[in-house]
Amino acid sequence: MSVELSPSQALGLWHQVALQQVRAEAHDLTLRQTAILLHIYLMPPPHTVRGLAATLGVSKPVITRALDSMGAMGLVDRERDTQDRRNVIIKRTVKGALYLEKLGDLIIEEGHKLPR
């Protein structure tokens, strides 16, 4: 299914979703954290710090800081790769999946409010 939006409508939708996220007192993720979380949940695993850094074009410490914050919120978990102890595997959590499901529902809800 394809959705046709003007640039103004697309930005308006993004604006409304962001406002609802702030008002809901949910986790206040940065754009980088949101991109990382979406990648972890929408792309097939395994996910590593090294792989995420390459995908996003940022350094490993940048990914580590984002994962520290999201881990404290319970949205992701990390563990050492048992076969290569240098790698850190990022794991999905139920809380992270529910967070993104609610975000998806919010985007749909706000999209339905757009003028046709």
PDB file of N, CA and C in Angstrom:
ATOM      1  N   MET A   1       0.846  -1.169   0.000  1.00  0.00           N
ATOM      2  CA  MET A   1       0.000   0.000   0.000  1.00  0.00           C
ATOM      3  C   MET A   1       0.895   1.238   0.000  1.00  0.00           C
ATOM      4  N   SER A   2       0.565   2.165  -0.844  1.00  0.00           N
ATOM      5  CA  SER A   2       1.316   3.407  -0.958  1.00  0.00           C
ATOM      6  C   SER A   2       0.499   4.556  -0.398  1.00  0.00           C
ATOM      7  N   VAL A   3       1.168   5.425   0.330  1.00  0.00           N
ATOM      8  CA  VAL A   3       0.501   6.594   0.898  1.00  0.00           C
ATOM      9  C   VAL A   3       1.111   7.829   0.248  1.00  0.00           C
ATOM     10  N   GLU A   4       0.278   8.667  -0.284  1.00  0.00           N
ATOM     11  CA  GLU A   4       0.737   9.901  -0.922  1.00  0.00           C
ATOM     12  C   GLU A   4       0.624  11.051   0.068  1.00  0.00           C
ATOM     13  N   LEU A   5       1.762  11.655   0.391  1.00  0.00           N
ATOM     14  CA  LEU A   5       1.788  12.814   1.273  1.00  0.00           C
ATOM     15  C   LEU A   5       2.628  13.902   0.631  1.00  0.00           C
ATOM     16  N   SER A   6       2.202  15.129   0.817  1.00  0.00           N
ATOM     17  CA  SER A   6       3.040  16.252   0.409  1.00  0.00           C
ATOM     18  C   SER A   6       4.139  16.405   1.456  1.00  0.00           C
ATOM     19  N   PRO A   7       5.220  17.100   1.124  1.00  0.00           N
ATOM     20  CA  PRO A   7       6.249  17.336   2.143  1.00  0.00           C
ATOM     21  C   PRO A   7       5.677  17.997   3.399  1.00  0.00           C
ATOM     22  N   SER A   8       4.765  18.918   3.218  1.00  0.00           N
ATOM     23  CA  SER A   8       4.155  19.601   4.358  1.00  0.00           C
ATOM     24  C   SER A   8       3.340  18.630   5.209  1.00  0.00           C
ATOM     25  N   GLN A   9       2.596  17.749   4.574  1.00  0.00           N
ATOM     26  CA  GLN A   9       1.816  16.757   5.315  1.00  0.00           C
ATOM     27  C   GLN A   9       2.733  15.784   6.060  1.00  0.00           C
ATOM     28  N   ALA A  10       3.793  15.359   5.401  1.00  0.00           N
ATOM     29  CA  ALA A  10       4.733  14.430   6.034  1.00  0.00           C
ATOM     30  C   ALA A  10       5.363  15.060   7.265  1.00  0.00           C
ATOM     31  N   LEU A  11       5.782  16.309   7.138  1.00  0.00           N
ATOM     32  CA  LEU A  11       6.362  17.007   8.290  1.00  0.00           C
ATOM     33  C   LEU A  11       5.319  17.236   9.382  1.00  0.00           C
ATOM     34  N   GLY A  12       4.100  17.538   8.983  1.00  0.00           N
ATOM     35  CA  GLY A  12       3.017  17.709   9.948  1.00  0.00           C
ATOM     36  C   GLY A  12       2.750  16.424  10.715  1.00  0.00           C
ATOM     37  N   LEU A  13       2.780  15.285  10.007  1.00  0.00           N
ATOM     38  CA  LEU A  13       2.590  13.990  10.663  1.00  0.00           C
ATOM     39  C   LEU A  13       3.720  13.731  11.650  1.00  0.00           C
ATOM     40  N   TRP A  14       4.946  13.964  11.222  1.00  0.00           N
ATOM     41  CA  TRP A  14       6.101  13.779  12.101  1.00  0.00           C
ATOM     42  C   TRP A  14       5.979  14.689  13.324  1.00  0.00           C
ATOM     43  N   HIS A  15       5.557  15.915  13.103  1.00  0.00           N
ATOM     44  CA  HIS A  15       5.375  16.877  14.192  1.00  0.00           C
ATOM     45  C   HIS A  15       4.347  16.380  15.203  1.00  0.00           C
ATOM     46  N   GLN A  16       3.204  15.929  14.714  1.00  0.00           N
ATOM     47  CA  GLN A  16       2.142  15.465  15.604  1.00  0.00           C
ATOM     48  C   GLN A  16       2.571  14.226  16.394  1.00  0.00           C
ATOM     49  N   VAL A  17       3.264  13.307  15.739  1.00  0.00           N
ATOM     50  CA  VAL A  17       3.741  12.113  16.429  1.00  0.00           C
ATOM     51  C   VAL A  17       4.741  12.506  17.518  1.00  0.00           C
ATOM     52  N   ALA A  18       5.661  13.419  17.180  1.00  0.00           N
ATOM     53  CA  ALA A  18       6.651  13.870  18.166  1.00  0.00           C
ATOM     54  C   ALA A  18       5.966  14.553  19.350  1.00  0.00           C
ATOM     55  N   LEU A  19       4.973  15.388  19.067  1.00  0.00           N
ATOM     56  CA  LEU A  19       4.240  16.047  20.156  1.00  0.00           C
ATOM     57  C   LEU A  19       3.553  15.025  21.057  1.00  0.00           C
ATOM     58  N   GLN A  20       2.919  14.027  20.461  1.00  0.00           N
ATOM     59  CA  GLN A  20       2.225  13.012  21.254  1.00  0.00           C
ATOM     60  C   GLN A  20       3.216  12.198  22.096  1.00  0.00           C
ATOM     61  N   GLN A  21       4.391  11.937  21.540  1.00  0.00           N
ATOM     62  CA  GLN A  21       5.414  11.214  22.294  1.00  0.00           C
ATOM     63  C   GLN A  21       5.849  12.016  23.521  1.00  0.00           C
ATOM     64  N   VAL A  22       6.054  13.303  23.342  1.00  0.00           N
ATOM     65  CA  VAL A  22       6.472  14.159  24.454  1.00  0.00           C
ATOM     66  C   VAL A  22       5.363  14.252  25.495  1.00  0.00           C
ATOM     67  N   ARG A  23       4.139  14.419  25.043  1.00  0.00           N
ATOM     68  CA  ARG A  23       3.012  14.559  25.964  1.00  0.00           C
ATOM     69  C   ARG A  23       2.712  13.274  26.727  1.00  0.00           C
ATOM     70  N   ALA A  24       3.023  12.139  26.139  1.00  0.00           N
ATOM     71  CA  ALA A  24       2.692  10.853  26.746  1.00  0.00           C
ATOM     72  C   ALA A  24       3.637  10.489  27.884  1.00  0.00           C
ATOM     73  N   GLU A  25       4.673  11.276  28.079  1.00  0.00           N
ATOM     74  CA  GLU A  25       5.661  10.999  29.108  1.00  0.00           C
ATOM     75  C   GLU A  25       6.273   9.613  28.931  1.00  0.00           C
ATOM     76  N   ALA A  26       6.333   9.165  27.678  1.00  0.00           N
ATOM     77  CA  ALA A  26       7.001   7.906  27.372  1.00  0.00           C
ATOM     78  C   ALA A  26       8.499   8.167  27.328  1.00  0.00           C
ATOM     79  N   HIS A  27       9.261   7.162  26.960  1.00  0.00           N
ATOM     80  CA  HIS A  27      10.697   7.345  26.832  1.00  0.00           C
ATOM     81  C   HIS A  27      10.964   8.424  25.791  1.00  0.00           C
ATOM     82  N   ASP A  28      11.828   9.334  26.128  1.00  0.00           N
ATOM     83  CA  ASP A  28      12.164  10.452  25.254  1.00  0.00           C
ATOM     84  C   ASP A  28      13.456  10.107  24.520  1.00  0.00           C
ATOM     85  N   LEU A  29      13.327   9.431  23.382  1.00  0.00           N
ATOM     86  CA  LEU A  29      14.489   8.991  22.637  1.00  0.00           C
ATOM     87  C   LEU A  29      14.963  10.068  21.668  1.00  0.00           C
ATOM     88  N   THR A  30      16.272  10.128  21.467  1.00  0.00           N
ATOM     89  CA  THR A  30      16.814  11.011  20.448  1.00  0.00           C
ATOM     90  C   THR A  30      16.525  10.394  19.085  1.00  0.00           C
ATOM     91  N   LEU A  31      16.734  11.181  18.045  1.00  0.00           N
ATOM     92  CA  LEU A  31      16.539  10.665  16.699  1.00  0.00           C
ATOM     93  C   LEU A  31      17.505   9.514  16.429  1.00  0.00           C
ATOM     94  N   ARG A  32      18.732   9.638  16.884  1.00  0.00           N
ATOM     95  CA  ARG A  32      19.725   8.565  16.714  1.00  0.00           C
ATOM     96  C   ARG A  32      19.270   7.297  17.437  1.00  0.00           C
ATOM     97  N   GLN A  33      18.804   7.431  18.687  1.00  0.00           N
ATOM     98  CA  GLN A  33      18.338   6.268  19.431  1.00  0.00           C
ATOM     99  C   GLN A  33      17.149   5.619  18.733  1.00  0.00           C
ATOM    100  N   THR A  34      16.249   6.442  18.219  1.00  0.00           N
ATOM    101  CA  THR A  34      15.086   5.917  17.501  1.00  0.00           C
ATOM    102  C   THR A  34      15.519   5.153  16.264  1.00  0.00           C
ATOM    103  N   ALA A  35      16.474   5.699  15.519  1.00  0.00           N
ATOM    104  CA  ALA A  35      16.972   5.018  14.319  1.00  0.00           C
ATOM    105  C   ALA A  35      17.604   3.678  14.681  1.00  0.00           C
ATOM    106  N   ILE A  36      18.377   3.665  15.749  1.00  0.00           N
ATOM    107  CA  ILE A  36      19.010   2.418  16.198  1.00  0.00           C
ATOM    108  C   ILE A  36      17.950   1.407  16.612  1.00  0.00           C
ATOM    109  N   LEU A  37      16.996   1.839  17.412  1.00  0.00           N
ATOM    110  CA  LEU A  37      15.947   0.935  17.889  1.00  0.00           C
ATOM    111  C   LEU A  37      15.141   0.368  16.724  1.00  0.00           C
ATOM    112  N   LEU A  38      14.758   1.218  15.779  1.00  0.00           N
ATOM    113  CA  LEU A  38      14.015   0.746  14.613  1.00  0.00           C
ATOM    114  C   LEU A  38      14.841  -0.260  13.815  1.00  0.00           C
ATOM    115  N   HIS A  39      16.121   0.003  13.660  1.00  0.00           N
ATOM    116  CA  HIS A  39      16.979  -0.918  12.917  1.00  0.00           C
ATOM    117  C   HIS A  39      17.046  -2.283  13.610  1.00  0.00           C
ATOM    118  N   ILE A  40      17.200  -2.263  14.918  1.00  0.00           N
ATOM    119  CA  ILE A  40      17.293  -3.512  15.682  1.00  0.00           C
ATOM    120  C   ILE A  40      16.016  -4.345  15.540  1.00  0.00           C
ATOM    121  N   TYR A  41      14.871  -3.677  15.532  1.00  0.00           N
ATOM    122  CA  TYR A  41      13.605  -4.401  15.518  1.00  0.00           C
ATOM    123  C   TYR A  41      13.072  -4.684  14.117  1.00  0.00           C
ATOM    124  N   LEU A  42      13.484  -3.901  13.119  1.00  0.00           N
ATOM    125  CA  LEU A  42      12.948  -4.098  11.776  1.00  0.00           C
ATOM    126  C   LEU A  42      13.860  -4.902  10.854  1.00  0.00           C
ATOM    127  N   MET A  43      15.130  -4.942  11.158  1.00  0.00           N
ATOM    128  CA  MET A  43      16.086  -5.680  10.333  1.00  0.00           C
ATOM    129  C   MET A  43      16.426  -7.001  11.029  1.00  0.00           C
ATOM    130  N   PRO A  44      16.654  -8.053  10.253  1.00  0.00           N
ATOM    131  CA  PRO A  44      16.937  -9.356  10.869  1.00  0.00           C
ATOM    132  C   PRO A  44      18.226  -9.334  11.698  1.00  0.00           C
ATOM    133  N   PRO A  45      18.210 -10.008  12.861  1.00  0.00           N
ATOM    134  CA  PRO A  45      19.418 -10.103  13.680  1.00  0.00           C
ATOM    135  C   PRO A  45      20.421 -11.055  13.026  1.00  0.00           C
ATOM    136  N   PRO A  46      21.626 -11.125  13.510  1.00  0.00           N
ATOM    137  CA  PRO A  46      22.135 -10.502  14.734  1.00  0.00           C
ATOM    138  C   PRO A  46      22.567  -9.055  14.485  1.00  0.00           C
ATOM    139  N   HIS A  47      22.563  -8.286  15.559  1.00  0.00           N
ATOM    140  CA  HIS A  47      23.003  -6.894  15.527  1.00  0.00           C
ATOM    141  C   HIS A  47      24.169  -6.749  16.485  1.00  0.00           C
ATOM    142  N   THR A  48      25.203  -6.101  16.014  1.00  0.00           N
ATOM    143  CA  THR A  48      26.383  -5.861  16.841  1.00  0.00           C
ATOM    144  C   THR A  48      26.651  -4.370  16.913  1.00  0.00           C
ATOM    145  N   VAL A  49      27.410  -3.969  17.909  1.00  0.00           N
ATOM    146  CA  VAL A  49      27.810  -2.567  18.033  1.00  0.00           C
ATOM    147  C   VAL A  49      28.569  -2.165  16.770  1.00  0.00           C
ATOM    148  N   ARG A  50      29.484  -3.008  16.354  1.00  0.00           N
ATOM    149  CA  ARG A  50      30.286  -2.722  15.154  1.00  0.00           C
ATOM    150  C   ARG A  50      29.391  -2.568  13.925  1.00  0.00           C
ATOM    151  N   GLY A  51      28.430  -3.463  13.754  1.00  0.00           N
ATOM    152  CA  GLY A  51      27.530  -3.414  12.606  1.00  0.00           C
ATOM    153  C   GLY A  51      26.632  -2.182  12.616  1.00  0.00           C
ATOM    154  N   LEU A  52      26.106  -1.840  13.797  1.00  0.00           N
ATOM    155  CA  LEU A  52      25.262  -0.645  13.899  1.00  0.00           C
ATOM    156  C   LEU A  52      26.068   0.613  13.598  1.00  0.00           C
ATOM    157  N   ALA A  53      27.295   0.668  14.081  1.00  0.00           N
ATOM    158  CA  ALA A  53      28.148   1.829  13.822  1.00  0.00           C
ATOM    159  C   ALA A  53      28.380   1.982  12.319  1.00  0.00           C
ATOM    160  N   ALA A  54      28.637   0.874  11.631  1.00  0.00           N
ATOM    161  CA  ALA A  54      28.857   0.930  10.188  1.00  0.00           C
ATOM    162  C   ALA A  54      27.581   1.341   9.452  1.00  0.00           C
ATOM    163  N   THR A  55      26.448   0.792   9.859  1.00  0.00           N
ATOM    164  CA  THR A  55      25.174   1.111   9.209  1.00  0.00           C
ATOM    165  C   THR A  55      24.817   2.580   9.364  1.00  0.00           C
ATOM    166  N   LEU A  56      24.999   3.114  10.571  1.00  0.00           N
ATOM    167  CA  LEU A  56      24.634   4.507  10.823  1.00  0.00           C
ATOM    168  C   LEU A  56      25.749   5.494  10.459  1.00  0.00           C
ATOM    169  N   GLY A  57      26.941   4.979  10.191  1.00  0.00           N
ATOM    170  CA  GLY A  57      28.050   5.855   9.832  1.00  0.00           C
ATOM    171  C   GLY A  57      28.559   6.683  10.996  1.00  0.00           C
ATOM    172  N   VAL A  58      28.548   6.073  12.185  1.00  0.00           N
ATOM    173  CA  VAL A  58      29.038   6.748  13.389  1.00  0.00           C
ATOM    174  C   VAL A  58      30.053   5.833  14.073  1.00  0.00           C
ATOM    175  N   SER A  59      30.699   6.338  15.103  1.00  0.00           N
ATOM    176  CA  SER A  59      31.696   5.542  15.817  1.00  0.00           C
ATOM    177  C   SER A  59      31.032   4.551  16.777  1.00  0.00           C
ATOM    178  N   LYS A  60      31.793   3.537  17.169  1.00  0.00           N
ATOM    179  CA  LYS A  60      31.284   2.563  18.132  1.00  0.00           C
ATOM    180  C   LYS A  60      30.938   3.207  19.477  1.00  0.00           C
ATOM    181  N   PRO A  61      31.731   4.185  19.978  1.00  0.00           N
ATOM    182  CA  PRO A  61      31.339   4.828  21.238  1.00  0.00           C
ATOM    183  C   PRO A  61      29.982   5.540  21.158  1.00  0.00           C
ATOM    184  N   VAL A  62      29.647   6.077  19.994  1.00  0.00           N
ATOM    185  CA  VAL A  62      28.339   6.726  19.821  1.00  0.00           C
ATOM    186  C   VAL A  62      27.227   5.690  19.992  1.00  0.00           C
ATOM    187  N   ILE A  63      27.409   4.527  19.379  1.00  0.00           N
ATOM    188  CA  ILE A  63      26.420   3.448  19.501  1.00  0.00           C
ATOM    189  C   ILE A  63      26.352   2.966  20.945  1.00  0.00           C
ATOM    190  N   THR A  64      27.503   2.811  21.575  1.00  0.00           N
ATOM    191  CA  THR A  64      27.550   2.332  22.958  1.00  0.00           C
ATOM    192  C   THR A  64      26.800   3.272  23.886  1.00  0.00           C
ATOM    193  N   ARG A  65      26.989   4.572  23.736  1.00  0.00           N
ATOM    194  CA  ARG A  65      26.264   5.537  24.585  1.00  0.00           C
ATOM    195  C   ARG A  65      24.753   5.440  24.369  1.00  0.00           C
ATOM    196  N   ALA A  66      24.337   5.324  23.106  1.00  0.00           N
ATOM    197  CA  ALA A  66      22.903   5.198  22.814  1.00  0.00           C
ATOM    198  C   ALA A  66      22.348   3.910  23.420  1.00  0.00           C
ATOM    199  N   LEU A  67      23.095   2.825  23.291  1.00  0.00           N
ATOM    200  CA  LEU A  67      22.643   1.545  23.846  1.00  0.00           C
ATOM    201  C   LEU A  67      22.614   1.573  25.371  1.00  0.00           C
ATOM    202  N   ASP A  68      23.561   2.301  25.989  1.00  0.00           N
ATOM    203  CA  ASP A  68      23.545   2.451  27.449  1.00  0.00           C
ATOM    204  C   ASP A  68      22.222   3.069  27.890  1.00  0.00           C
ATOM    205  N   SER A  69      21.828   4.143  27.219  1.00  0.00           N
ATOM    206  CA  SER A  69      20.576   4.826  27.567  1.00  0.00           C
ATOM    207  C   SER A  69      19.366   3.935  27.316  1.00  0.00           C
ATOM    208  N   MET A  70      19.335   3.295  26.161  1.00  0.00           N
ATOM    209  CA  MET A  70      18.189   2.446  25.834  1.00  0.00           C
ATOM    210  C   MET A  70      18.163   1.187  26.696  1.00  0.00           C
ATOM    211  N   GLY A  71      19.321   0.700  27.084  1.00  0.00           N
ATOM    212  CA  GLY A  71      19.384  -0.445  27.987  1.00  0.00           C
ATOM    213  C   GLY A  71      18.831  -0.094  29.357  1.00  0.00           C
ATOM    214  N   ALA A  72      19.146   1.106  29.841  1.00  0.00           N
ATOM    215  CA  ALA A  72      18.626   1.561  31.136  1.00  0.00           C
ATOM    216  C   ALA A  72      17.104   1.674  31.110  1.00  0.00           C
ATOM    217  N   MET A  73      16.540   1.934  29.924  1.00  0.00           N
ATOM    218  CA  MET A  73      15.084   2.020  29.768  1.00  0.00           C
ATOM    219  C   MET A  73      14.456   0.649  29.546  1.00  0.00           C
ATOM    220  N   GLY A  74      15.290  -0.374  29.366  1.00  0.00           N
ATOM    221  CA  GLY A  74      14.780  -1.720  29.129  1.00  0.00           C
ATOM    222  C   GLY A  74      14.370  -1.982  27.689  1.00  0.00           C
ATOM    223  N   LEU A  75      14.770  -1.112  26.761  1.00  0.00           N
ATOM    224  CA  LEU A  75      14.347  -1.254  25.366  1.00  0.00           C
ATOM    225  C   LEU A  75      15.224  -2.221  24.580  1.00  0.00           C
ATOM    226  N   VAL A  76      16.460  -2.410  25.018  1.00  0.00           N
ATOM    227  CA  VAL A  76      17.387  -3.360  24.399  1.00  0.00           C
ATOM    228  C   VAL A  76      18.218  -4.000  25.491  1.00  0.00           C
ATOM    229  N   ASP A  77      18.873  -5.079  25.126  1.00  0.00           N
ATOM    230  CA  ASP A  77      19.783  -5.754  26.042  1.00  0.00           C
ATOM    231  C   ASP A  77      21.037  -6.095  25.246  1.00  0.00           C
ATOM    232  N   ARG A  78      22.139  -6.310  25.938  1.00  0.00           N
ATOM    233  CA  ARG A  78      23.399  -6.645  25.264  1.00  0.00           C
ATOM    234  C   ARG A  78      24.040  -7.839  25.936  1.00  0.00           C
ATOM    235  N   GLU A  79      24.743  -8.616  25.122  1.00  0.00           N
ATOM    236  CA  GLU A  79      25.540  -9.710  25.677  1.00  0.00           C
ATOM    237  C   GLU A  79      26.724  -9.960  24.758  1.00  0.00           C
ATOM    238  N   ARG A  80      27.770 -10.488  25.340  1.00  0.00           N
ATOM    239  CA  ARG A  80      28.974 -10.824  24.564  1.00  0.00           C
ATOM    240  C   ARG A  80      28.675 -12.015  23.660  1.00  0.00           C
ATOM    241  N   ASP A  81      29.205 -11.973  22.461  1.00  0.00           N
ATOM    242  CA  ASP A  81      29.118 -13.089  21.524  1.00  0.00           C
ATOM    243  C   ASP A  81      29.974 -14.218  22.084  1.00  0.00           C
ATOM    244  N   THR A  82      29.378 -15.385  22.288  1.00  0.00           N
ATOM    245  CA  THR A  82      30.120 -16.498  22.886  1.00  0.00           C
ATOM    246  C   THR A  82      31.192 -17.043  21.945  1.00  0.00           C
ATOM    247  N   GLN A  83      31.024 -16.846  20.638  1.00  0.00           N
ATOM    248  CA  GLN A  83      32.000 -17.350  19.677  1.00  0.00           C
ATOM    249  C   GLN A  83      33.125 -16.355  19.403  1.00  0.00           C
ATOM    250  N   ASP A  84      32.832 -15.061  19.553  1.00  0.00           N
ATOM    251  CA  ASP A  84      33.854 -14.030  19.361  1.00  0.00           C
ATOM    252  C   ASP A  84      33.649 -12.986  20.449  1.00  0.00           C
ATOM    253  N   ARG A  85      34.367 -13.113  21.532  1.00  0.00           N
ATOM    254  CA  ARG A  85      34.165 -12.276  22.721  1.00  0.00           C
ATOM    255  C   ARG A  85      34.382 -10.788  22.446  1.00  0.00           C
ATOM    256  N   ARG A  86      34.954 -10.439  21.280  1.00  0.00           N
ATOM    257  CA  ARG A  86      35.133  -9.028  20.947  1.00  0.00           C
ATOM    258  C   ARG A  86      33.820  -8.383  20.526  1.00  0.00           C
ATOM    259  N   ASN A  87      32.885  -9.185  20.058  1.00  0.00           N
ATOM    260  CA  ASN A  87      31.603  -8.672  19.586  1.00  0.00           C
ATOM    261  C   ASN A  87      30.579  -8.595  20.711  1.00  0.00           C
ATOM    262  N   VAL A  88      29.777  -7.553  20.665  1.00  0.00           N
ATOM    263  CA  VAL A  88      28.649  -7.401  21.576  1.00  0.00           C
ATOM    264  C   VAL A  88      27.385  -7.530  20.739  1.00  0.00           C
ATOM    265  N   ILE A  89      26.542  -8.483  21.105  1.00  0.00           N
ATOM    266  CA  ILE A  89      25.288  -8.730  20.402  1.00  0.00           C
ATOM    267  C   ILE A  89      24.178  -7.931  21.082  1.00  0.00           C
ATOM    268  N   ILE A  90      23.403  -7.207  20.287  1.00  0.00           N
ATOM    269  CA  ILE A  90      22.286  -6.429  20.823  1.00  0.00           C
ATOM    270  C   ILE A  90      21.032  -7.286  20.693  1.00  0.00           C
ATOM    271  N   LYS A  91      20.320  -7.411  21.789  1.00  0.00           N
ATOM    272  CA  LYS A  91      19.126  -8.251  21.850  1.00  0.00           C
ATOM    273  C   LYS A  91      17.878  -7.391  21.976  1.00  0.00           C
ATOM    274  N   ARG A  92      16.817  -7.859  21.383  1.00  0.00           N
ATOM    275  CA  ARG A  92      15.508  -7.214  21.510  1.00  0.00           C
ATOM    276  C   ARG A  92      14.924  -7.567  22.876  1.00  0.00           C
ATOM    277  N   THR A  93      14.042  -6.707  23.367  1.00  0.00           N
ATOM    278  CA  THR A  93      13.328  -6.989  24.616  1.00  0.00           C
ATOM    279  C   THR A  93      11.827  -6.841  24.374  1.00  0.00           C
ATOM    280  N   VAL A  94      11.052  -7.422  25.245  1.00  0.00           N
ATOM    281  CA  VAL A  94       9.602  -7.277  25.149  1.00  0.00           C
ATOM    282  C   VAL A  94       9.223  -5.803  25.299  1.00  0.00           C
ATOM    283  N   LYS A  95       9.859  -5.118  26.235  1.00  0.00           N
ATOM    284  CA  LYS A  95       9.556  -3.708  26.467  1.00  0.00           C
ATOM    285  C   LYS A  95       9.862  -2.865  25.224  1.00  0.00           C
ATOM    286  N   GLY A  96      10.955  -3.174  24.549  1.00  0.00           N
ATOM    287  CA  GLY A  96      11.303  -2.456  23.323  1.00  0.00           C
ATOM    288  C   GLY A  96      10.303  -2.719  22.214  1.00  0.00           C
ATOM    289  N   ALA A  97       9.881  -3.978  22.090  1.00  0.00           N
ATOM    290  CA  ALA A  97       8.894  -4.338  21.067  1.00  0.00           C
ATOM    291  C   ALA A  97       7.567  -3.627  21.327  1.00  0.00           C
ATOM    292  N   LEU A  98       7.149  -3.570  22.592  1.00  0.00           N
ATOM    293  CA  LEU A  98       5.900  -2.883  22.930  1.00  0.00           C
ATOM    294  C   LEU A  98       6.005  -1.382  22.677  1.00  0.00           C
ATOM    295  N   TYR A  99       7.168  -0.803  22.981  1.00  0.00           N
ATOM    296  CA  TYR A  99       7.384   0.622  22.730  1.00  0.00           C
ATOM    297  C   TYR A  99       7.201   0.925  21.246  1.00  0.00           C
ATOM    298  N   LEU A 100       7.817   0.124  20.388  1.00  0.00           N
ATOM    299  CA  LEU A 100       7.708   0.380  18.955  1.00  0.00           C
ATOM    300  C   LEU A 100       6.314   0.068  18.417  1.00  0.00           C
ATOM    301  N   GLU A 101       5.652  -0.918  18.992  1.00  0.00           N
ATOM    302  CA  GLU A 101       4.281  -1.203  18.571  1.00  0.00           C
ATOM    303  C   GLU A 101       3.377  -0.006  18.878  1.00  0.00           C
ATOM    304  N   LYS A 102       3.542   0.565  20.059  1.00  0.00           N
ATOM    305  CA  LYS A 102       2.751   1.742  20.424  1.00  0.00           C
ATOM    306  C   LYS A 102       3.106   2.933  19.531  1.00  0.00           C
ATOM    307  N   LEU A 103       4.391   3.068  19.194  1.00  0.00           N
ATOM    308  CA  LEU A 103       4.798   4.148  18.293  1.00  0.00           C
ATOM    309  C   LEU A 103       4.151   3.957  16.923  1.00  0.00           C
ATOM    310  N   GLY A 104       4.152   2.724  16.422  1.00  0.00           N
ATOM    311  CA  GLY A 104       3.501   2.436  15.141  1.00  0.00           C
ATOM    312  C   GLY A 104       2.017   2.750  15.185  1.00  0.00           C
ATOM    313  N   ASP A 105       1.349   2.368  16.278  1.00  0.00           N
ATOM    314  CA  ASP A 105      -0.077   2.675  16.441  1.00  0.00           C
ATOM    315  C   ASP A 105      -0.313   4.184  16.453  1.00  0.00           C
ATOM    316  N   LEU A 106       0.571   4.924  17.117  1.00  0.00           N
ATOM    317  CA  LEU A 106       0.449   6.375  17.183  1.00  0.00           C
ATOM    318  C   LEU A 106       0.606   6.998  15.798  1.00  0.00           C
ATOM    319  N   ILE A 107       1.554   6.510  15.019  1.00  0.00           N
ATOM    320  CA  ILE A 107       1.757   7.029  13.661  1.00  0.00           C
ATOM    321  C   ILE A 107       0.512   6.775  12.812  1.00  0.00           C
ATOM    322  N   ILE A 108      -0.060   5.578  12.925  1.00  0.00           N
ATOM    323  CA  ILE A 108      -1.285   5.267  12.188  1.00  0.00           C
ATOM    324  C   ILE A 108      -2.410   6.187  12.620  1.00  0.00           C
ATOM    325  N   GLU A 109      -2.582   6.348  13.921  1.00  0.00           N
ATOM    326  CA  GLU A 109      -3.639   7.205  14.471  1.00  0.00           C
ATOM    327  C   GLU A 109      -3.511   8.634  13.964  1.00  0.00           C
ATOM    328  N   GLU A 110      -2.305   9.177  14.031  1.00  0.00           N
ATOM    329  CA  GLU A 110      -2.095  10.553  13.569  1.00  0.00           C
ATOM    330  C   GLU A 110      -2.223  10.651  12.047  1.00  0.00           C
ATOM    331  N   GLY A 111      -1.842   9.593  11.340  1.00  0.00           N
ATOM    332  CA  GLY A 111      -1.996   9.584   9.882  1.00  0.00           C
ATOM    333  C   GLY A 111      -3.445   9.637   9.462  1.00  0.00           C
ATOM    334  N   HIS A 112      -4.313   8.989  10.233  1.00  0.00           N
ATOM    335  CA  HIS A 112      -5.752   9.019   9.919  1.00  0.00           C
ATOM    336  C   HIS A 112      -6.340  10.415  10.104  1.00  0.00           C
ATOM    337  N   LYS A 113      -5.705  11.236  10.887  1.00  0.00           N
ATOM    338  CA  LYS A 113      -6.198  12.588  11.143  1.00  0.00           C
ATOM    339  C   LYS A 113      -5.803  13.568  10.039  1.00  0.00           C
ATOM    340  N   LEU A 114      -4.917  13.151   9.133  1.00  0.00           N
ATOM    341  CA  LEU A 114      -4.479  14.044   8.059  1.00  0.00           C
ATOM    342  C   LEU A 114      -5.629  14.372   7.138  1.00  0.00           C
ATOM    343  N   PRO A 115      -5.699  15.599   6.649  1.00  0.00           N
ATOM    344  CA  PRO A 115      -6.745  15.941   5.681  1.00  0.00           C
ATOM    345  C   PRO A 115      -6.554  15.138   4.394  1.00  0.00           C
ATOM    346  N   ARG A 116      -7.621  14.716   3.852  1.00  0.00           N
ATOM    347  CA  ARG A 116      -7.570  13.906   2.608  1.00  0.00           C
ATOM    348  C   ARG A 116      -7.860  14.750   1.405  1.00  0.00           C
TER     349      ARG A 116
END
